Amino acid sequence: MRLVRNLGKFLLLLIMFVGVQIKLYSQELKSEYTLEEFIKLAEKLSLVSIEARNEYISSCYTYQDFKTGYLPSVSLSTTIPNFNRSISWNDDLQSFIEKNNVSSTANLSMSQKVAPMGGTLTMSSNLQQIVLLGDDGSTTYFSSPLSLSYSQPIFAINSMKWERKVSPIEFEKAKRTYVSSIEDNSVTAIRRFFSFISKQNTLDMARFNYSNLDTLYQMTKERCTYGAVSEIDLLKMQELLLNAKERLINAELNFKSENNSMMDFLGLSSHFSFKLMVPDRPNAPDVNFDDVLEKAIQYNPGSLSRELNILKAKKELIQAKKERFSMDLSITYGLDHSSASSLAALYEPPYSDRQQVSLGLSVPIVNWGQQNRKVKLAQAKEELAQEVYEREERKFVQEVDMQVQKYNAHKSILDLTSLLDSIAIKKFTMSKERFKIGKISVRELNDALIEKDNANARYLTNLKNYWIYFFSMRQLTLYDFNKDRPLLEVYEEYLKP
């Protein structure tokens, strides 16, 4: 019974939560959106945009970890207490005796990476207390007030140096990739926008056509009663009206399906709906290949990806060459003091010096040419990386060239289809008026209607392509040609983690 009541409360809270969310979204959403407003809405709500933001934040944290890794790190480790009970043989007593003691230790250390050398400098201070329990109990202290140590590989690759070279490039690539993802999401939003517009426009045209044909059918029916129109023409008109009704029903279903898909893209309930406004052409300047290529090479994240691949291949080759043998250097200097009297006495002179220098060398005697093969494999990878780099560079230049050509060509194509759309609308209006006075047949009226709808569909398709090519060029170059500045500056607020 309690389970049922708890389940009922949970469902009530869930319904209230969903209701509040719907209310909040309904307050934020508008009834109409322009293309620019819809792109901003998609940046805020689409799953791709949210995922891109999370990936960028992860890259920010990784870069912060890299930078803080070269700052001094301080750590404290303690063991309080450590109780030990053991039984051991005593030579003097010639018997086994029981020992009980409690020990406590504390160690404070600070380490610092030395990037130019590839080593690590460590400074530490240690304190230990041992309390022997029993009738003959005693307390002993041991301390290392100061201990300095330095260690580094001698002939190995300086991984710190390479990390400091690669990590900033990787972070810059992450920033550019994030901005590129925003632009890619904008291109997706444009496709969604025009797909919705197409279904919305098809529905509007279906309603408009059905209304006009119904009026013309009633007029034809009336004219048929006094013999001005033949019965076969009336049947043709009725056939056009019924076909228009079928197209209207299909258009309503297609629009409903498109609306559900749009709300899913935005992460909203299918109960929401809005109207999208057919945009004008983008207010974009003329561009030339050389200018676009310069911007693309300067800002596109692919340039950094290719640079990183070359750097990593070079690092692997240097590492393979230096792994023929290894040598590590370790130097330690410390001050030690022990006291059985008091804790304060530990930090009074005299101290005993503790010094240690070690040099470890590892040289393979027989490895059957394994290291040489590693070097040759790394050389092959570097050559491959260089070849891939050159080919991707050529492919990238071709992509920029084609993008510029498509963009410039569609400016002229859009002018032509816009003019054809205007002509088709005028022809249909004139055909409708001529049909009313019996100057043209039902077939000619239907041809004018189909031509009008097809011309409008072609115009919307080319308008969509023009917007897509414009934003694709922005994505390729990460440059705002309208504001004449890099998108890294436009999205500066977005790049703050």
Protein backbone atom coordinates (compact mmCIF):
# COMPACT_ATOMS: atom_id res chain seq x y z
CA MET A 1 0.00 0.00 0.00
CA ARG A 2 2.87 2.34 0.87
CA LEU A 3 4.49 1.49 -2.48
CA VAL A 4 1.31 2.53 -4.31
CA ARG A 5 1.15 5.83 -2.40
CA ASN A 6 4.84 6.55 -3.11
CA LEU A 7 4.36 5.72 -6.78
CA GLY A 8 1.36 8.05 -6.90
CA LYS A 9 3.39 10.87 -5.35
CA PHE A 10 6.21 10.28 -7.82
CA LEU A 11 3.86 10.42 -10.80
CA LEU A 12 2.25 13.60 -9.45
CA LEU A 13 5.65 15.26 -9.04
CA LEU A 14 6.66 14.12 -12.53
CA ILE A 15 3.50 15.60 -14.05
CA MET A 16 4.05 18.85 -12.17
CA PHE A 17 7.70 18.98 -13.33
CA VAL A 18 6.76 18.38 -16.97
CA GLY A 19 4.04 20.99 -16.69
CA VAL A 20 6.46 23.56 -15.32
CA GLN A 21 8.97 22.78 -18.10
CA ILE A 22 6.31 23.15 -20.77
CA LYS A 23 5.21 26.44 -19.25
CA LEU A 24 8.81 27.73 -19.14
CA TYR A 25 9.51 26.71 -22.74
CA SER A 26 6.20 28.15 -23.91
CA GLN A 27 7.17 31.47 -22.33
CA GLU A 28 10.57 31.42 -24.08
CA LEU A 29 9.39 30.22 -27.50
CA LYS A 30 7.96 32.63 -30.04
CA SER A 31 5.15 32.04 -32.49
CA GLU A 32 7.31 33.06 -35.47
CA TYR A 33 11.02 32.78 -36.22
CA THR A 34 13.29 34.25 -38.85
CA LEU A 35 16.23 32.16 -40.04
CA GLU A 36 18.73 34.08 -37.90
CA GLU A 37 16.53 33.64 -34.80
CA PHE A 38 16.09 29.95 -35.50
CA ILE A 39 19.86 29.42 -35.82
CA LYS A 40 20.31 31.03 -32.39
CA LEU A 41 17.55 28.81 -30.99
CA ALA A 42 19.27 25.72 -32.40
CA GLU A 43 22.58 26.82 -30.83
CA LYS A 44 20.84 26.89 -27.48
CA LEU A 45 18.65 23.77 -27.62
CA SER A 46 20.01 21.23 -30.10
CA LEU A 47 21.74 18.13 -28.73
CA VAL A 48 24.73 18.54 -31.07
CA SER A 49 25.35 22.03 -29.71
CA ILE A 50 25.17 20.81 -26.11
CA GLU A 51 27.55 17.92 -26.83
CA ALA A 52 30.03 20.26 -28.57
CA ARG A 53 29.94 22.58 -25.56
CA ASN A 54 30.61 19.71 -23.15
CA GLU A 55 33.53 18.44 -25.26
CA TYR A 56 35.03 21.92 -25.32
CA ILE A 57 34.69 22.30 -21.54
CA SER A 58 36.45 18.93 -21.17
CA SER A 59 39.30 20.23 -23.35
CA CYS A 60 39.49 23.37 -21.18
CA TYR A 61 39.87 21.26 -18.06
CA THR A 62 42.54 19.14 -19.74
CA TYR A 63 44.49 22.26 -20.71
CA GLN A 64 44.15 23.68 -17.20
CA ASP A 65 45.52 20.40 -15.83
CA PHE A 66 48.45 20.71 -18.20
CA LYS A 67 49.27 24.26 -17.06
CA THR A 68 48.88 23.53 -13.35
CA GLY A 69 51.05 20.43 -13.79
CA TYR A 70 54.04 22.75 -14.20
CA LEU A 71 53.30 24.67 -11.00
CA PRO A 72 54.73 23.54 -7.65
CA SER A 73 52.63 20.79 -6.09
CA VAL A 74 52.44 20.33 -2.34
CA SER A 75 51.24 17.14 -0.66
CA LEU A 76 50.90 15.85 2.89
CA SER A 77 50.81 12.16 3.73
CA THR A 78 50.27 10.80 7.23
CA THR A 79 49.80 7.54 9.03
CA ILE A 80 48.20 8.09 12.45
CA PRO A 81 48.44 5.64 14.13
CA ASN A 82 49.97 2.37 13.00
CA PHE A 83 49.68 -0.29 15.73
CA ASN A 84 51.95 -3.32 15.47
CA ARG A 85 51.91 -6.42 17.68
CA SER A 86 54.45 -9.14 16.92
CA ILE A 87 56.24 -12.10 18.50
CA SER A 88 59.96 -12.49 17.78
CA TRP A 89 62.99 -14.41 19.07
CA ASN A 90 65.27 -12.65 21.54
CA ASP A 91 68.86 -13.95 21.52
CA ASP A 92 69.70 -12.50 24.93
CA LEU A 93 66.73 -14.11 26.67
CA GLN A 94 66.78 -17.19 24.47
CA SER A 95 63.03 -17.07 24.19
CA PHE A 96 60.19 -15.56 22.17
CA ILE A 97 58.96 -12.20 23.36
CA GLU A 98 55.96 -10.07 22.48
CA LYS A 99 56.47 -6.58 21.12
CA ASN A 100 53.82 -3.88 20.95
CA ASN A 101 54.42 -0.48 19.42
CA VAL A 102 52.50 2.38 17.89
CA SER A 103 54.08 4.48 15.16
CA SER A 104 52.96 7.69 13.50
CA THR A 105 54.47 9.35 10.45
CA ALA A 106 53.93 12.61 8.58
CA ASN A 107 55.56 13.67 5.34
CA LEU A 108 55.23 17.10 3.70
CA SER A 109 56.64 17.38 0.20
CA MET A 110 56.74 19.87 -2.65
CA SER A 111 57.73 18.97 -6.19
CA GLN A 112 58.41 21.06 -9.27
CA LYS A 113 58.84 19.94 -12.87
CA VAL A 114 61.91 21.38 -14.61
CA ALA A 115 60.70 21.42 -18.20
CA PRO A 116 63.91 22.58 -19.98
CA MET A 117 65.82 19.64 -18.45
CA GLY A 118 62.96 17.15 -18.31
CA GLY A 119 63.54 16.42 -14.63
CA THR A 120 61.73 16.80 -11.30
CA LEU A 121 62.94 18.66 -8.21
CA THR A 122 61.48 17.56 -4.88
CA MET A 123 61.78 19.07 -1.40
CA SER A 124 60.36 17.23 1.59
CA SER A 125 60.26 17.13 5.37
CA ASN A 126 59.56 13.95 7.37
CA LEU A 127 58.66 13.26 10.98
CA GLN A 128 58.26 9.84 12.64
CA GLN A 129 57.31 8.80 16.17
CA ILE A 130 57.62 5.25 17.59
CA VAL A 131 56.11 4.43 20.99
CA LEU A 132 57.06 1.08 22.54
CA LEU A 133 54.28 -0.20 24.80
CA GLY A 134 54.71 -2.23 27.97
CA ASP A 135 56.57 -1.92 31.26
CA ASP A 136 59.78 -0.83 29.53
CA GLY A 137 57.96 1.51 27.18
CA SER A 138 59.76 4.41 25.52
CA THR A 139 59.18 7.06 22.87
CA THR A 140 61.58 7.74 20.03
CA TYR A 141 61.43 10.48 17.40
CA PHE A 142 63.08 10.63 14.01
CA SER A 143 63.02 13.56 11.63
CA SER A 144 64.34 14.63 8.26
CA PRO A 145 63.82 18.41 8.50
CA LEU A 146 64.92 18.97 4.95
CA SER A 147 65.48 16.65 2.04
CA LEU A 148 66.23 17.76 -1.55
CA SER A 149 66.22 15.43 -4.51
CA TYR A 150 66.44 15.81 -8.26
CA SER A 151 65.94 13.13 -10.90
CA GLN A 152 65.86 13.10 -14.67
CA PRO A 153 66.58 10.87 -17.64
CA ILE A 154 69.87 11.70 -19.40
CA PHE A 155 69.52 10.56 -23.00
CA ALA A 156 65.75 9.94 -23.20
CA ILE A 157 63.38 12.24 -25.02
CA ASN A 158 62.29 15.27 -23.03
CA SER A 159 58.56 14.48 -22.79
CA MET A 160 57.90 17.73 -20.89
CA LYS A 161 59.32 19.79 -23.73
CA TRP A 162 57.11 18.03 -26.27
CA GLU A 163 54.07 18.32 -24.01
CA ARG A 164 54.60 22.08 -23.71
CA LYS A 165 54.84 22.29 -27.48
CA VAL A 166 51.81 20.11 -28.31
CA SER A 167 49.29 20.96 -25.55
CA PRO A 168 48.77 24.65 -26.51
CA ILE A 169 48.21 23.61 -30.13
CA GLU A 170 45.71 20.97 -29.03
CA PHE A 171 43.81 23.53 -26.96
CA GLU A 172 43.77 26.01 -29.84
CA LYS A 173 42.48 23.20 -32.03
CA ALA A 174 39.76 22.48 -29.44
CA LYS A 175 38.63 26.12 -29.58
CA ARG A 176 38.50 26.12 -33.36
CA THR A 177 36.76 22.73 -33.40
CA TYR A 178 34.10 24.05 -31.03
CA VAL A 179 33.45 27.12 -33.19
CA SER A 180 33.42 24.86 -36.25
CA SER A 181 30.85 22.65 -34.49
CA ILE A 182 28.66 25.71 -33.86
CA GLU A 183 28.84 26.58 -37.55
CA ASP A 184 28.19 22.96 -38.53
CA ASN A 185 25.14 23.00 -36.29
CA SER A 186 24.07 26.21 -38.04
CA VAL A 187 24.27 24.42 -41.40
CA THR A 188 22.16 21.58 -39.98
CA ALA A 189 19.71 24.14 -38.59
CA ILE A 190 19.45 25.77 -42.04
CA ARG A 191 18.65 22.39 -43.62
CA ARG A 192 16.02 21.76 -40.94
CA PHE A 193 14.67 25.28 -41.35
CA PHE A 194 14.16 24.97 -45.09
CA SER A 195 12.80 21.44 -44.80
CA PHE A 196 10.21 22.83 -42.39
CA ILE A 197 9.63 25.83 -44.67
CA SER A 198 9.12 23.48 -47.62
CA LYS A 199 6.45 21.47 -45.80
CA GLN A 200 4.92 24.63 -44.40
CA ASN A 201 4.90 26.28 -47.82
CA THR A 202 3.49 23.14 -49.44
CA LEU A 203 0.65 23.20 -46.91
CA ASP A 204 -0.01 26.90 -47.50
CA MET A 205 -0.02 26.38 -51.27
CA ALA A 206 -2.29 23.34 -50.92
CA ARG A 207 -4.78 25.41 -48.91
CA PHE A 208 -4.49 28.32 -51.35
CA ASN A 209 -4.90 26.08 -54.39
CA TYR A 210 -7.84 24.20 -52.88
CA SER A 211 -9.59 27.44 -51.98
CA ASN A 212 -9.06 28.89 -55.48
CA LEU A 213 -10.12 25.68 -57.24
CA ASP A 214 -13.20 25.36 -55.06
CA THR A 215 -14.22 28.91 -56.04
CA LEU A 216 -13.56 28.18 -59.71
CA TYR A 217 -15.44 24.87 -59.47
CA GLN A 218 -18.53 26.57 -58.07
CA MET A 219 -18.28 29.18 -60.83
CA THR A 220 -17.88 26.47 -63.51
CA LYS A 221 -20.80 24.52 -62.04
CA GLU A 222 -23.03 27.59 -62.26
CA ARG A 223 -21.94 28.34 -65.83
CA CYS A 224 -22.62 24.71 -66.78
CA THR A 225 -26.29 25.09 -65.81
CA TYR A 226 -26.92 27.54 -68.64
CA GLY A 227 -24.64 25.83 -71.17
CA ALA A 228 -21.68 28.22 -71.09
CA VAL A 229 -19.41 25.33 -70.09
CA SER A 230 -19.61 21.73 -71.21
CA GLU A 231 -20.19 18.91 -68.75
CA ILE A 232 -16.81 17.38 -69.58
CA ASP A 233 -15.10 20.65 -68.51
CA LEU A 234 -17.08 20.58 -65.28
CA LEU A 235 -15.87 17.02 -64.62
CA LYS A 236 -12.29 18.07 -65.32
CA MET A 237 -12.69 20.94 -62.88
CA GLN A 238 -14.13 18.60 -60.28
CA GLU A 239 -11.21 16.24 -60.83
CA LEU A 240 -8.75 19.13 -60.21
CA LEU A 241 -10.63 20.01 -57.02
CA LEU A 242 -10.55 16.43 -55.71
CA ASN A 243 -6.83 16.13 -56.49
CA ALA A 244 -6.26 19.41 -54.66
CA LYS A 245 -8.15 18.05 -51.66
CA GLU A 246 -5.94 14.93 -51.66
CA ARG A 247 -2.79 17.08 -51.82
CA LEU A 248 -4.09 19.18 -48.93
CA ILE A 249 -4.64 16.12 -46.72
CA ASN A 250 -1.15 14.77 -47.54
CA ALA A 251 0.39 18.20 -46.95
CA GLU A 252 -1.20 18.39 -43.48
CA LEU A 253 0.16 14.94 -42.58
CA ASN A 254 3.63 15.76 -43.93
CA PHE A 255 3.71 19.04 -42.03
CA LYS A 256 2.72 17.31 -38.79
CA SER A 257 5.52 14.76 -39.27
CA GLU A 258 8.02 17.53 -40.05
CA ASN A 259 6.93 19.47 -36.97
CA ASN A 260 7.55 16.40 -34.78
CA SER A 261 11.00 15.97 -36.33
CA MET A 262 11.79 19.65 -35.77
CA MET A 263 10.77 19.55 -32.11
CA ASP A 264 12.87 16.41 -31.63
CA PHE A 265 15.87 18.26 -33.10
CA LEU A 266 15.32 21.08 -30.59
CA GLY A 267 14.62 18.73 -27.69
CA LEU A 268 11.06 20.03 -27.26
CA SER A 269 7.70 18.36 -26.93
CA SER A 270 5.81 17.69 -30.17
CA HIS A 271 2.97 19.78 -28.71
CA PHE A 272 4.96 22.89 -29.55
CA SER A 273 4.68 24.48 -32.97
CA PHE A 274 5.69 27.74 -34.61
CA LYS A 275 5.78 29.41 -37.97
CA LEU A 276 9.01 30.04 -39.87
CA MET A 277 9.42 33.07 -42.10
CA VAL A 278 10.88 32.65 -45.58
CA PRO A 279 14.20 34.53 -45.44
CA ASP A 280 15.74 36.86 -47.93
CA ARG A 281 19.10 36.00 -49.43
CA PRO A 282 22.08 36.44 -47.08
CA ASN A 283 23.55 39.90 -47.07
CA ALA A 284 26.96 38.53 -47.96
CA PRO A 285 29.80 40.26 -49.81
CA ASP A 286 31.52 38.95 -52.89
CA VAL A 287 34.48 36.71 -52.12
CA ASN A 288 37.50 35.54 -54.06
CA PHE A 289 39.44 32.29 -53.83
CA ASP A 290 42.74 33.73 -52.59
CA ASP A 291 41.14 35.60 -49.70
CA VAL A 292 39.01 32.62 -48.62
CA LEU A 293 41.99 30.24 -48.84
CA GLU A 294 44.11 32.54 -46.69
CA LYS A 295 41.41 32.67 -44.01
CA ALA A 296 40.83 28.90 -44.17
CA ILE A 297 44.53 28.07 -43.72
CA GLN A 298 44.80 30.57 -40.86
CA TYR A 299 41.73 29.52 -38.84
CA ASN A 300 40.45 26.09 -39.91
CA PRO A 301 41.06 23.42 -37.21
CA GLY A 302 42.15 20.97 -39.89
CA SER A 303 45.38 22.96 -40.34
CA LEU A 304 46.25 22.37 -36.69
CA SER A 305 45.29 18.69 -36.94
CA ARG A 306 47.74 18.20 -39.79
CA GLU A 307 50.44 20.10 -37.86
CA LEU A 308 49.87 17.92 -34.78
CA ASN A 309 50.13 14.73 -36.82
CA ILE A 310 53.54 15.83 -38.13
CA LEU A 311 54.74 16.76 -34.61
CA LYS A 312 53.62 13.44 -33.14
CA ALA A 313 55.32 11.50 -35.93
CA LYS A 314 58.58 13.41 -35.34
CA LYS A 315 58.32 12.76 -31.60
CA GLU A 316 57.90 9.01 -32.17
CA LEU A 317 60.98 8.95 -34.42
CA ILE A 318 63.17 10.85 -31.92
CA GLN A 319 61.90 8.64 -29.11
CA ALA A 320 62.68 5.47 -31.05
CA LYS A 321 66.24 6.67 -31.74
CA LYS A 322 66.87 7.58 -28.09
CA GLU A 323 65.52 4.30 -26.72
CA ARG A 324 68.65 2.41 -27.82
CA PHE A 325 69.82 2.71 -24.22
CA SER A 326 68.64 4.64 -21.17
CA MET A 327 70.38 6.45 -18.33
CA ASP A 328 68.75 8.02 -15.27
CA LEU A 329 70.33 10.45 -12.82
CA SER A 330 69.16 10.85 -9.22
CA ILE A 331 70.68 13.18 -6.62
CA THR A 332 69.53 13.41 -2.99
CA TYR A 333 70.72 15.55 -0.08
CA GLY A 334 69.06 15.57 3.34
CA LEU A 335 69.43 16.39 7.01
CA ASP A 336 68.45 13.70 9.55
CA HIS A 337 68.03 13.81 13.33
CA SER A 338 66.83 11.31 15.92
CA SER A 339 65.96 11.92 19.56
CA ALA A 340 64.63 9.82 22.39
CA SER A 341 63.93 12.75 24.65
CA SER A 342 61.57 15.29 23.13
CA LEU A 343 60.07 16.46 19.86
CA ALA A 344 61.70 19.91 20.14
CA ALA A 345 65.18 18.36 20.26
CA LEU A 346 64.73 17.05 16.73
CA TYR A 347 65.12 20.53 15.28
CA GLU A 348 68.26 21.46 17.18
CA PRO A 349 71.76 20.87 15.79
CA PRO A 350 73.77 18.88 15.21
CA TYR A 351 72.25 17.15 12.18
CA SER A 352 73.64 14.25 10.25
CA ASP A 353 74.01 14.67 6.49
CA ARG A 354 72.42 12.20 4.13
CA GLN A 355 73.78 12.28 0.57
CA GLN A 356 73.10 10.01 -2.34
CA VAL A 357 73.97 10.14 -6.02
CA SER A 358 72.92 7.38 -8.36
CA LEU A 359 73.38 6.95 -12.08
CA GLY A 360 71.51 4.10 -13.65
CA LEU A 361 72.40 2.79 -17.10
CA SER A 362 70.47 0.25 -19.14
CA VAL A 363 72.05 -1.05 -22.33
CA PRO A 364 70.55 -3.93 -24.34
CA ILE A 365 73.12 -6.60 -25.15
CA VAL A 366 71.11 -8.76 -27.54
CA ASN A 367 67.72 -7.66 -28.87
CA TRP A 368 67.93 -9.22 -32.34
CA GLY A 369 67.55 -5.89 -34.16
CA GLN A 370 64.31 -4.99 -32.38
CA GLN A 371 65.36 -1.39 -31.71
CA ASN A 372 66.49 -0.86 -35.31
CA ARG A 373 63.12 -2.07 -36.51
CA LYS A 374 61.41 0.40 -34.16
CA VAL A 375 63.45 3.22 -35.65
CA LYS A 376 62.67 2.16 -39.22
CA LEU A 377 58.97 1.84 -38.36
CA ALA A 378 58.98 5.34 -36.85
CA GLN A 379 60.74 6.68 -39.96
CA ALA A 380 58.09 5.06 -42.16
CA LYS A 381 55.34 6.62 -40.03
CA GLU A 382 56.94 10.05 -40.32
CA GLU A 383 57.21 9.73 -44.11
CA LEU A 384 53.58 8.60 -44.25
CA ALA A 385 52.50 11.51 -42.05
CA GLN A 386 54.32 13.94 -44.34
CA GLU A 387 52.69 12.42 -47.43
CA VAL A 388 49.25 12.52 -45.81
CA TYR A 389 49.88 16.13 -44.80
CA GLU A 390 50.71 17.16 -48.39
CA ARG A 391 47.72 15.31 -49.86
CA GLU A 392 45.29 16.71 -47.30
CA GLU A 393 46.65 20.18 -48.00
CA ARG A 394 45.93 19.74 -51.73
CA LYS A 395 42.48 18.31 -50.98
CA PHE A 396 41.75 21.19 -48.65
CA VAL A 397 42.69 23.75 -51.31
CA GLN A 398 40.40 21.99 -53.80
CA GLU A 399 37.58 22.00 -51.26
CA VAL A 400 37.97 25.75 -50.70
CA ASP A 401 38.06 26.38 -54.45
CA MET A 402 34.88 24.35 -55.02
CA GLN A 403 33.10 26.02 -52.10
CA VAL A 404 33.86 29.49 -53.46
CA GLN A 405 32.69 28.49 -56.94
CA LYS A 406 29.41 27.07 -55.61
CA TYR A 407 28.79 30.15 -53.50
CA ASN A 408 29.45 32.60 -56.32
CA ALA A 409 27.49 30.54 -58.88
CA HIS A 410 24.40 30.30 -56.67
CA LYS A 411 24.19 34.06 -56.40
CA SER A 412 23.34 34.13 -60.15
CA ILE A 413 21.19 31.00 -59.95
CA LEU A 414 19.15 32.53 -57.13
CA ASP A 415 18.54 35.67 -59.21
CA LEU A 416 17.22 33.54 -62.08
CA THR A 417 14.94 31.33 -59.97
CA SER A 418 13.59 34.39 -58.12
CA LEU A 419 12.65 35.96 -61.44
CA LEU A 420 11.10 32.68 -62.70
CA ASP A 421 9.06 32.43 -59.49
CA SER A 422 7.68 35.96 -59.98
CA ILE A 423 6.83 35.20 -63.63
CA ALA A 424 5.05 31.95 -62.69
CA ILE A 425 2.93 33.74 -60.07
CA LYS A 426 1.91 36.41 -62.60
CA LYS A 427 1.09 33.77 -65.22
CA PHE A 428 -1.14 31.87 -62.79
CA THR A 429 -2.95 35.05 -61.75
CA MET A 430 -3.54 35.96 -65.37
CA SER A 431 -4.60 32.39 -66.24
CA LYS A 432 -7.11 32.36 -63.39
CA GLU A 433 -8.70 35.59 -64.59
CA ARG A 434 -8.80 34.35 -68.18
CA PHE A 435 -10.39 31.08 -67.05
CA LYS A 436 -13.14 33.04 -65.32
CA ILE A 437 -14.14 34.60 -68.63
CA GLY A 438 -13.73 31.35 -70.55
CA LYS A 439 -10.61 32.27 -72.49
CA ILE A 440 -8.56 29.21 -71.49
CA SER A 441 -9.31 25.57 -70.73
CA VAL A 442 -9.11 23.65 -67.46
CA ARG A 443 -5.93 21.96 -68.67
CA GLU A 444 -4.20 25.31 -69.31
CA LEU A 445 -5.25 26.51 -65.85
CA ASN A 446 -3.84 23.34 -64.28
CA ASP A 447 -0.57 23.76 -66.20
CA ALA A 448 -0.23 27.31 -64.86
CA LEU A 449 -0.93 26.08 -61.32
CA ILE A 450 1.71 23.32 -61.54
CA GLU A 451 4.22 25.74 -63.05
CA LYS A 452 3.64 28.19 -60.18
CA ASP A 453 4.16 25.52 -57.53
CA ASN A 454 7.28 24.10 -59.22
CA ALA A 455 8.84 27.54 -59.67
CA ASN A 456 8.31 28.35 -56.00
CA ALA A 457 9.81 25.00 -54.95
CA ARG A 458 12.90 25.62 -57.15
CA TYR A 459 13.31 29.09 -55.66
CA LEU A 460 13.17 27.74 -52.10
CA THR A 461 15.66 24.98 -52.96
CA ASN A 462 18.16 27.43 -54.40
CA LEU A 463 17.62 29.87 -51.54
CA LYS A 464 18.38 27.02 -49.13
CA ASN A 465 21.51 26.05 -51.08
CA TYR A 466 22.71 29.65 -51.11
CA TRP A 467 22.37 29.94 -47.33
CA ILE A 468 24.06 26.56 -46.85
CA TYR A 469 26.99 27.50 -49.09
CA PHE A 470 27.34 30.80 -47.25
CA PHE A 471 27.48 29.15 -43.81
CA SER A 472 29.61 26.28 -45.11
CA MET A 473 32.15 28.87 -46.20
CA ARG A 474 31.99 30.42 -42.72
CA GLN A 475 32.58 26.97 -41.22
CA LEU A 476 35.48 26.30 -43.58
CA THR A 477 37.23 29.59 -42.82
CA LEU A 478 35.92 30.32 -39.30
CA TYR A 479 35.55 33.87 -40.56
CA ASP A 480 32.59 36.26 -40.58
CA PHE A 481 32.78 37.95 -43.98
CA ASN A 482 29.95 40.37 -43.11
CA LYS A 483 31.66 41.70 -39.98
CA ASP A 484 35.14 41.12 -41.46
CA ARG A 485 36.56 39.42 -38.38
CA PRO A 486 37.35 35.87 -37.21
CA LEU A 487 34.58 33.83 -35.65
CA LEU A 488 36.90 33.15 -32.71
CA GLU A 489 36.30 36.81 -31.83
CA VAL A 490 32.58 36.69 -32.64
CA TYR A 491 32.13 33.68 -30.32
CA GLU A 492 34.49 34.97 -27.66
CA GLU A 493 31.81 34.62 -24.95
CA TYR A 494 31.19 31.00 -25.98
CA LEU A 495 34.89 30.20 -25.55
CA LYS A 496 34.90 31.12 -21.87
CA PRO A 497 34.77 27.79 -19.99
